Amino acid sequence: MEKKSLAGLCFLFLVLFVAQEVMVQTEAKTCENLANTYRGPCFTTGSCDDHCKNKEHLRSGRCRDDFRCWCTRNC
């Protein structure tokens, strides 16, 4: 009975490991581009994120240290 339990446990770990690898490989790579239509200095990431999602239809956005809005998209 112990051999079956050990074999089952090893099989479970193998399945979980393979599932994790598949999830990591299917995640899309992202690229950041300067927002095309954002006007003015970028002080709040929330407004930049909102702009990138709603106006430019991209994944997200954030303010960087240069006070410009950068949008994130799938590469």
PDB file of N, CA and C in Angstrom:
ATOM      1  N   MET A   1       0.811  -1.194   0.000  1.00  0.00           N
ATOM      2  CA  MET A   1       0.000   0.000   0.000  1.00  0.00           C
ATOM      3  C   MET A   1       0.858   1.262   0.000  1.00  0.00           C
ATOM      4  N   GLU A   2       2.007   1.210   0.704  1.00  0.00           N
ATOM      5  CA  GLU A   2       2.879   2.375   0.766  1.00  0.00           C
ATOM      6  C   GLU A   2       3.458   2.712  -0.601  1.00  0.00           C
ATOM      7  N   LYS A   3       3.763   1.701  -1.411  1.00  0.00           N
ATOM      8  CA  LYS A   3       4.308   1.944  -2.746  1.00  0.00           C
ATOM      9  C   LYS A   3       3.290   2.660  -3.623  1.00  0.00           C
ATOM     10  N   LYS A   4       2.019   2.285  -3.501  1.00  0.00           N
ATOM     11  CA  LYS A   4       0.973   2.936  -4.294  1.00  0.00           C
ATOM     12  C   LYS A   4       0.818   4.391  -3.862  1.00  0.00           C
ATOM     13  N   SER A   5       0.882   4.636  -2.573  1.00  0.00           N
ATOM     14  CA  SER A   5       0.754   6.009  -2.070  1.00  0.00           C
ATOM     15  C   SER A   5       1.917   6.869  -2.539  1.00  0.00           C
ATOM     16  N   LEU A   6       3.120   6.320  -2.479  1.00  0.00           N
ATOM     17  CA  LEU A   6       4.298   7.049  -2.914  1.00  0.00           C
ATOM     18  C   LEU A   6       4.253   7.312  -4.415  1.00  0.00           C
ATOM     19  N   ALA A   7       3.845   6.317  -5.174  1.00  0.00           N
ATOM     20  CA  ALA A   7       3.734   6.478  -6.623  1.00  0.00           C
ATOM     21  C   ALA A   7       2.669   7.523  -6.962  1.00  0.00           C
ATOM     22  N   GLY A   8       1.559   7.485  -6.265  1.00  0.00           N
ATOM     23  CA  GLY A   8       0.500   8.460  -6.494  1.00  0.00           C
ATOM     24  C   GLY A   8       0.947   9.868  -6.156  1.00  0.00           C
ATOM     25  N   LEU A   9       1.689  10.006  -5.067  1.00  0.00           N
ATOM     26  CA  LEU A   9       2.197  11.311  -4.660  1.00  0.00           C
ATOM     27  C   LEU A   9       3.204  11.843  -5.678  1.00  0.00           C
ATOM     28  N   CYS A  10       4.082  10.990  -6.153  1.00  0.00           N
ATOM     29  CA  CYS A  10       5.052  11.394  -7.185  1.00  0.00           C
ATOM     30  C   CYS A  10       4.333  11.815  -8.465  1.00  0.00           C
ATOM     31  N   PHE A  11       3.314  11.072  -8.837  1.00  0.00           N
ATOM     32  CA  PHE A  11       2.538  11.409 -10.029  1.00  0.00           C
ATOM     33  C   PHE A  11       1.856  12.769  -9.864  1.00  0.00           C
ATOM     34  N   LEU A  12       1.316  13.033  -8.703  1.00  0.00           N
ATOM     35  CA  LEU A  12       0.658  14.307  -8.432  1.00  0.00           C
ATOM     36  C   LEU A  12       1.647  15.465  -8.550  1.00  0.00           C
ATOM     37  N   PHE A  13       2.827  15.320  -7.973  1.00  0.00           N
ATOM     38  CA  PHE A  13       3.847  16.364  -8.087  1.00  0.00           C
ATOM     39  C   PHE A  13       4.268  16.580  -9.534  1.00  0.00           C
ATOM     40  N   LEU A  14       4.378  15.514 -10.297  1.00  0.00           N
ATOM     41  CA  LEU A  14       4.740  15.622 -11.705  1.00  0.00           C
ATOM     42  C   LEU A  14       3.677  16.394 -12.484  1.00  0.00           C
ATOM     43  N   VAL A  15       2.425  16.082 -12.243  1.00  0.00           N
ATOM     44  CA  VAL A  15       1.330  16.779 -12.924  1.00  0.00           C
ATOM     45  C   VAL A  15       1.329  18.262 -12.551  1.00  0.00           C
ATOM     46  N   LEU A  16       1.518  18.578 -11.283  1.00  0.00           N
ATOM     47  CA  LEU A  16       1.544  19.976 -10.849  1.00  0.00           C
ATOM     48  C   LEU A  16       2.721  20.724 -11.465  1.00  0.00           C
ATOM     49  N   PHE A  17       3.873  20.074 -11.548  1.00  0.00           N
ATOM     50  CA  PHE A  17       5.046  20.702 -12.140  1.00  0.00           C
ATOM     51  C   PHE A  17       4.822  21.000 -13.615  1.00  0.00           C
ATOM     52  N   VAL A  18       4.288  20.050 -14.355  1.00  0.00           N
ATOM     53  CA  VAL A  18       4.027  20.242 -15.787  1.00  0.00           C
ATOM     54  C   VAL A  18       2.987  21.342 -15.984  1.00  0.00           C
ATOM     55  N   ALA A  19       1.952  21.361 -15.168  1.00  0.00           N
ATOM     56  CA  ALA A  19       0.917  22.391 -15.288  1.00  0.00           C
ATOM     57  C   ALA A  19       1.503  23.773 -15.039  1.00  0.00           C
ATOM     58  N   GLN A  20       2.399  23.897 -14.093  1.00  0.00           N
ATOM     59  CA  GLN A  20       3.039  25.184 -13.805  1.00  0.00           C
ATOM     60  C   GLN A  20       3.889  25.635 -14.982  1.00  0.00           C
ATOM     61  N   GLU A  21       4.621  24.725 -15.590  1.00  0.00           N
ATOM     62  CA  GLU A  21       5.461  25.070 -16.738  1.00  0.00           C
ATOM     63  C   GLU A  21       4.611  25.534 -17.915  1.00  0.00           C
ATOM     64  N   VAL A  22       3.487  24.905 -18.149  1.00  0.00           N
ATOM     65  CA  VAL A  22       2.599  25.299 -19.239  1.00  0.00           C
ATOM     66  C   VAL A  22       2.051  26.699 -18.981  1.00  0.00           C
ATOM     67  N   MET A  23       1.688  27.007 -17.754  1.00  0.00           N
ATOM     68  CA  MET A  23       1.167  28.329 -17.422  1.00  0.00           C
ATOM     69  C   MET A  23       2.224  29.403 -17.645  1.00  0.00           C
ATOM     70  N   VAL A  24       3.460  29.138 -17.294  1.00  0.00           N
ATOM     71  CA  VAL A  24       4.529  30.125 -17.452  1.00  0.00           C
ATOM     72  C   VAL A  24       4.791  30.381 -18.935  1.00  0.00           C
ATOM     73  N   GLN A  25       4.768  29.360 -19.752  1.00  0.00           N
ATOM     74  CA  GLN A  25       5.067  29.513 -21.165  1.00  0.00           C
ATOM     75  C   GLN A  25       3.951  30.212 -21.922  1.00  0.00           C
ATOM     76  N   THR A  26       2.713  30.150 -21.456  1.00  0.00           N
ATOM     77  CA  THR A  26       1.610  30.758 -22.181  1.00  0.00           C
ATOM     78  C   THR A  26       1.406  32.226 -21.821  1.00  0.00           C
ATOM     79  N   GLU A  27       2.105  32.739 -20.800  1.00  0.00           N
ATOM     80  CA  GLU A  27       1.984  34.149 -20.469  1.00  0.00           C
ATOM     81  C   GLU A  27       2.608  34.981 -21.577  1.00  0.00           C
ATOM     82  N   ALA A  28       1.898  36.022 -22.001  1.00  0.00           N
ATOM     83  CA  ALA A  28       2.393  36.857 -23.082  1.00  0.00           C
ATOM     84  C   ALA A  28       3.493  37.793 -22.594  1.00  0.00           C
ATOM     85  N   LYS A  29       4.442  38.045 -23.452  1.00  0.00           N
ATOM     86  CA  LYS A  29       5.473  39.023 -23.138  1.00  0.00           C
ATOM     87  C   LYS A  29       4.875  40.406 -23.334  1.00  0.00           C
ATOM     88  N   THR A  30       5.343  41.351 -22.547  1.00  0.00           N
ATOM     89  CA  THR A  30       4.793  42.701 -22.641  1.00  0.00           C
ATOM     90  C   THR A  30       5.866  43.688 -23.066  1.00  0.00           C
ATOM     91  N   CYS A  31       5.412  44.744 -23.728  1.00  0.00           N
ATOM     92  CA  CYS A  31       6.265  45.843 -24.155  1.00  0.00           C
ATOM     93  C   CYS A  31       5.644  47.143 -23.679  1.00  0.00           C
ATOM     94  N   GLU A  32       6.486  48.120 -23.407  1.00  0.00           N
ATOM     95  CA  GLU A  32       6.007  49.435 -22.989  1.00  0.00           C
ATOM     96  C   GLU A  32       6.292  50.459 -24.080  1.00  0.00           C
ATOM     97  N   ASN A  33       5.275  51.243 -24.390  1.00  0.00           N
ATOM     98  CA  ASN A  33       5.417  52.328 -25.362  1.00  0.00           C
ATOM     99  C   ASN A  33       4.879  53.598 -24.746  1.00  0.00           C
ATOM    100  N   LEU A  34       5.427  54.714 -25.167  1.00  0.00           N
ATOM    101  CA  LEU A  34       4.936  56.006 -24.738  1.00  0.00           C
ATOM    102  C   LEU A  34       3.506  56.173 -25.244  1.00  0.00           C
ATOM    103  N   ALA A  35       2.605  56.629 -24.380  1.00  0.00           N
ATOM    104  CA  ALA A  35       1.203  56.812 -24.767  1.00  0.00           C
ATOM    105  C   ALA A  35       1.109  57.836 -25.897  1.00  0.00           C
ATOM    106  N   ASN A  36       0.347  57.504 -26.922  1.00  0.00           N
ATOM    107  CA  ASN A  36       0.234  58.373 -28.091  1.00  0.00           C
ATOM    108  C   ASN A  36      -0.596  59.617 -27.835  1.00  0.00           C
ATOM    109  N   THR A  37      -1.665  59.472 -27.077  1.00  0.00           N
ATOM    110  CA  THR A  37      -2.624  60.579 -26.964  1.00  0.00           C
ATOM    111  C   THR A  37      -2.717  61.174 -25.568  1.00  0.00           C
ATOM    112  N   TYR A  38      -1.898  60.747 -24.638  1.00  0.00           N
ATOM    113  CA  TYR A  38      -1.917  61.299 -23.283  1.00  0.00           C
ATOM    114  C   TYR A  38      -1.278  62.685 -23.315  1.00  0.00           C
ATOM    115  N   ARG A  39      -1.969  63.677 -22.768  1.00  0.00           N
ATOM    116  CA  ARG A  39      -1.468  65.051 -22.791  1.00  0.00           C
ATOM    117  C   ARG A  39      -1.148  65.531 -21.384  1.00  0.00           C
ATOM    118  N   GLY A  40      -0.065  66.259 -21.259  1.00  0.00           N
ATOM    119  CA  GLY A  40       0.319  66.823 -19.980  1.00  0.00           C
ATOM    120  C   GLY A  40       1.229  65.905 -19.205  1.00  0.00           C
ATOM    121  N   PRO A  41       1.754  66.407 -18.076  1.00  0.00           N
ATOM    122  CA  PRO A  41       2.630  65.572 -17.239  1.00  0.00           C
ATOM    123  C   PRO A  41       1.837  64.462 -16.550  1.00  0.00           C
ATOM    124  N   CYS A  42       2.474  63.352 -16.343  1.00  0.00           N
ATOM    125  CA  CYS A  42       1.843  62.188 -15.720  1.00  0.00           C
ATOM    126  C   CYS A  42       2.256  62.139 -14.251  1.00  0.00           C
ATOM    127  N   PHE A  43       1.300  62.427 -13.379  1.00  0.00           N
ATOM    128  CA  PHE A  43       1.573  62.418 -11.939  1.00  0.00           C
ATOM    129  C   PHE A  43       0.962  61.211 -11.232  1.00  0.00           C
ATOM    130  N   THR A  44      -0.193  60.727 -11.729  1.00  0.00           N
ATOM    131  CA  THR A  44      -0.867  59.603 -11.070  1.00  0.00           C
ATOM    132  C   THR A  44      -0.964  58.422 -12.028  1.00  0.00           C
ATOM    133  N   THR A  45      -0.462  57.290 -11.584  1.00  0.00           N
ATOM    134  CA  THR A  45      -0.495  56.091 -12.414  1.00  0.00           C
ATOM    135  C   THR A  45      -1.930  55.682 -12.730  1.00  0.00           C
ATOM    136  N   GLY A  46      -2.856  55.970 -11.828  1.00  0.00           N
ATOM    137  CA  GLY A  46      -4.251  55.601 -12.066  1.00  0.00           C
ATOM    138  C   GLY A  46      -4.822  56.264 -13.304  1.00  0.00           C
ATOM    139  N   SER A  47      -4.523  57.547 -13.497  1.00  0.00           N
ATOM    140  CA  SER A  47      -5.046  58.243 -14.681  1.00  0.00           C
ATOM    141  C   SER A  47      -4.377  57.735 -15.953  1.00  0.00           C
ATOM    142  N   CYS A  48      -3.105  57.438 -15.869  1.00  0.00           N
ATOM    143  CA  CYS A  48      -2.385  56.887 -17.017  1.00  0.00           C
ATOM    144  C   CYS A  48      -2.921  55.501 -17.370  1.00  0.00           C
ATOM    145  N   ASP A  49      -3.115  54.670 -16.375  1.00  0.00           N
ATOM    146  CA  ASP A  49      -3.652  53.324 -16.577  1.00  0.00           C
ATOM    147  C   ASP A  49      -5.034  53.392 -17.212  1.00  0.00           C
ATOM    148  N   ASP A  50      -5.856  54.278 -16.701  1.00  0.00           N
ATOM    149  CA  ASP A  50      -7.205  54.485 -17.236  1.00  0.00           C
ATOM    150  C   ASP A  50      -7.139  54.911 -18.701  1.00  0.00           C
ATOM    151  N   HIS A  51      -6.261  55.839 -18.988  1.00  0.00           N
ATOM    152  CA  HIS A  51      -6.113  56.343 -20.352  1.00  0.00           C
ATOM    153  C   HIS A  51      -5.682  55.223 -21.306  1.00  0.00           C
ATOM    154  N   CYS A  52      -4.672  54.459 -20.912  1.00  0.00           N
ATOM    155  CA  CYS A  52      -4.160  53.392 -21.780  1.00  0.00           C
ATOM    156  C   CYS A  52      -5.219  52.316 -22.041  1.00  0.00           C
ATOM    157  N   LYS A  53      -5.971  51.983 -21.010  1.00  0.00           N
ATOM    158  CA  LYS A  53      -7.000  50.946 -21.174  1.00  0.00           C
ATOM    159  C   LYS A  53      -8.175  51.438 -22.005  1.00  0.00           C
ATOM    160  N   ASN A  54      -8.663  52.634 -21.721  1.00  0.00           N
ATOM    161  CA  ASN A  54      -9.902  53.108 -22.344  1.00  0.00           C
ATOM    162  C   ASN A  54      -9.708  53.867 -23.650  1.00  0.00           C
ATOM    163  N   LYS A  55      -8.659  54.646 -23.764  1.00  0.00           N
ATOM    164  CA  LYS A  55      -8.458  55.458 -24.972  1.00  0.00           C
ATOM    165  C   LYS A  55      -7.596  54.753 -26.009  1.00  0.00           C
ATOM    166  N   GLU A  56      -6.584  54.042 -25.548  1.00  0.00           N
ATOM    167  CA  GLU A  56      -5.677  53.397 -26.490  1.00  0.00           C
ATOM    168  C   GLU A  56      -5.884  51.886 -26.568  1.00  0.00           C
ATOM    169  N   HIS A  57      -6.801  51.361 -25.757  1.00  0.00           N
ATOM    170  CA  HIS A  57      -7.204  49.946 -25.774  1.00  0.00           C
ATOM    171  C   HIS A  57      -6.014  48.998 -25.601  1.00  0.00           C
ATOM    172  N   LEU A  58      -5.172  49.327 -24.608  1.00  0.00           N
ATOM    173  CA  LEU A  58      -4.017  48.490 -24.292  1.00  0.00           C
ATOM    174  C   LEU A  58      -4.186  47.876 -22.911  1.00  0.00           C
ATOM    175  N   ARG A  59      -3.222  47.075 -22.480  1.00  0.00           N
ATOM    176  CA  ARG A  59      -3.336  46.332 -21.214  1.00  0.00           C
ATOM    177  C   ARG A  59      -3.362  47.216 -19.984  1.00  0.00           C
ATOM    178  N   SER A  60      -2.403  48.122 -19.874  1.00  0.00           N
ATOM    179  CA  SER A  60      -2.289  48.948 -18.678  1.00  0.00           C
ATOM    180  C   SER A  60      -1.376  50.124 -18.975  1.00  0.00           C
ATOM    181  N   GLY A  61      -1.201  50.962 -17.966  1.00  0.00           N
ATOM    182  CA  GLY A  61      -0.303  52.097 -18.121  1.00  0.00           C
ATOM    183  C   GLY A  61       0.233  52.524 -16.771  1.00  0.00           C
ATOM    184  N   ARG A  62       1.364  53.246 -16.796  1.00  0.00           N
ATOM    185  CA  ARG A  62       1.940  53.733 -15.549  1.00  0.00           C
ATOM    186  C   ARG A  62       2.773  54.976 -15.831  1.00  0.00           C
ATOM    187  N   CYS A  63       2.854  55.826 -14.820  1.00  0.00           N
ATOM    188  CA  CYS A  63       3.715  57.000 -14.902  1.00  0.00           C
ATOM    189  C   CYS A  63       5.132  56.563 -14.553  1.00  0.00           C
ATOM    190  N   ARG A  64       6.070  57.055 -15.292  1.00  0.00           N
ATOM    191  CA  ARG A  64       7.472  56.782 -15.000  1.00  0.00           C
ATOM    192  C   ARG A  64       8.111  58.010 -14.376  1.00  0.00           C
ATOM    193  N   ASP A  65       9.380  57.898 -14.079  1.00  0.00           N
ATOM    194  CA  ASP A  65      10.120  58.990 -13.444  1.00  0.00           C
ATOM    195  C   ASP A  65      10.230  60.229 -14.322  1.00  0.00           C
ATOM    196  N   ASP A  66      10.010  60.079 -15.617  1.00  0.00           N
ATOM    197  CA  ASP A  66      10.120  61.223 -16.528  1.00  0.00           C
ATOM    198  C   ASP A  66       8.785  61.971 -16.682  1.00  0.00           C
ATOM    199  N   PHE A  67       7.806  61.644 -15.837  1.00  0.00           N
ATOM    200  CA  PHE A  67       6.480  62.276 -15.816  1.00  0.00           C
ATOM    201  C   PHE A  67       5.742  62.119 -17.135  1.00  0.00           C
ATOM    202  N   ARG A  68       5.986  60.990 -17.803  1.00  0.00           N
ATOM    203  CA  ARG A  68       5.245  60.669 -19.017  1.00  0.00           C
ATOM    204  C   ARG A  68       4.501  59.362 -18.805  1.00  0.00           C
ATOM    205  N   CYS A  69       3.422  59.198 -19.541  1.00  0.00           N
ATOM    206  CA  CYS A  69       2.566  58.013 -19.430  1.00  0.00           C
ATOM    207  C   CYS A  69       3.062  56.944 -20.398  1.00  0.00           C
ATOM    208  N   TRP A  70       3.334  55.783 -19.855  1.00  0.00           N
ATOM    209  CA  TRP A  70       3.801  54.642 -20.655  1.00  0.00           C
ATOM    210  C   TRP A  70       2.745  53.547 -20.607  1.00  0.00           C
ATOM    211  N   CYS A  71       2.341  53.075 -21.786  1.00  0.00           N
ATOM    212  CA  CYS A  71       1.325  52.021 -21.888  1.00  0.00           C
ATOM    213  C   CYS A  71       1.990  50.665 -22.106  1.00  0.00           C
ATOM    214  N   THR A  72       1.380  49.643 -21.522  1.00  0.00           N
ATOM    215  CA  THR A  72       1.861  48.268 -21.657  1.00  0.00           C
ATOM    216  C   THR A  72       0.954  47.521 -22.618  1.00  0.00           C
ATOM    217  N   ARG A  73       1.565  46.796 -23.544  1.00  0.00           N
ATOM    218  CA  ARG A  73       0.809  45.980 -24.503  1.00  0.00           C
ATOM    219  C   ARG A  73       1.488  44.637 -24.646  1.00  0.00           C
ATOM    220  N   ASN A  74       0.765  43.678 -25.223  1.00  0.00           N
ATOM    221  CA  ASN A  74       1.370  42.376 -25.519  1.00  0.00           C
ATOM    222  C   ASN A  74       2.273  42.531 -26.727  1.00  0.00           C
ATOM    223  N   CYS A  75       3.462  41.943 -26.666  1.00  0.00           N
ATOM    224  CA  CYS A  75       4.406  42.024 -27.802  1.00  0.00           C
ATOM    225  C   CYS A  75       4.034  41.011 -28.865  1.00  0.00           C
TER     226      CYS A  75
END
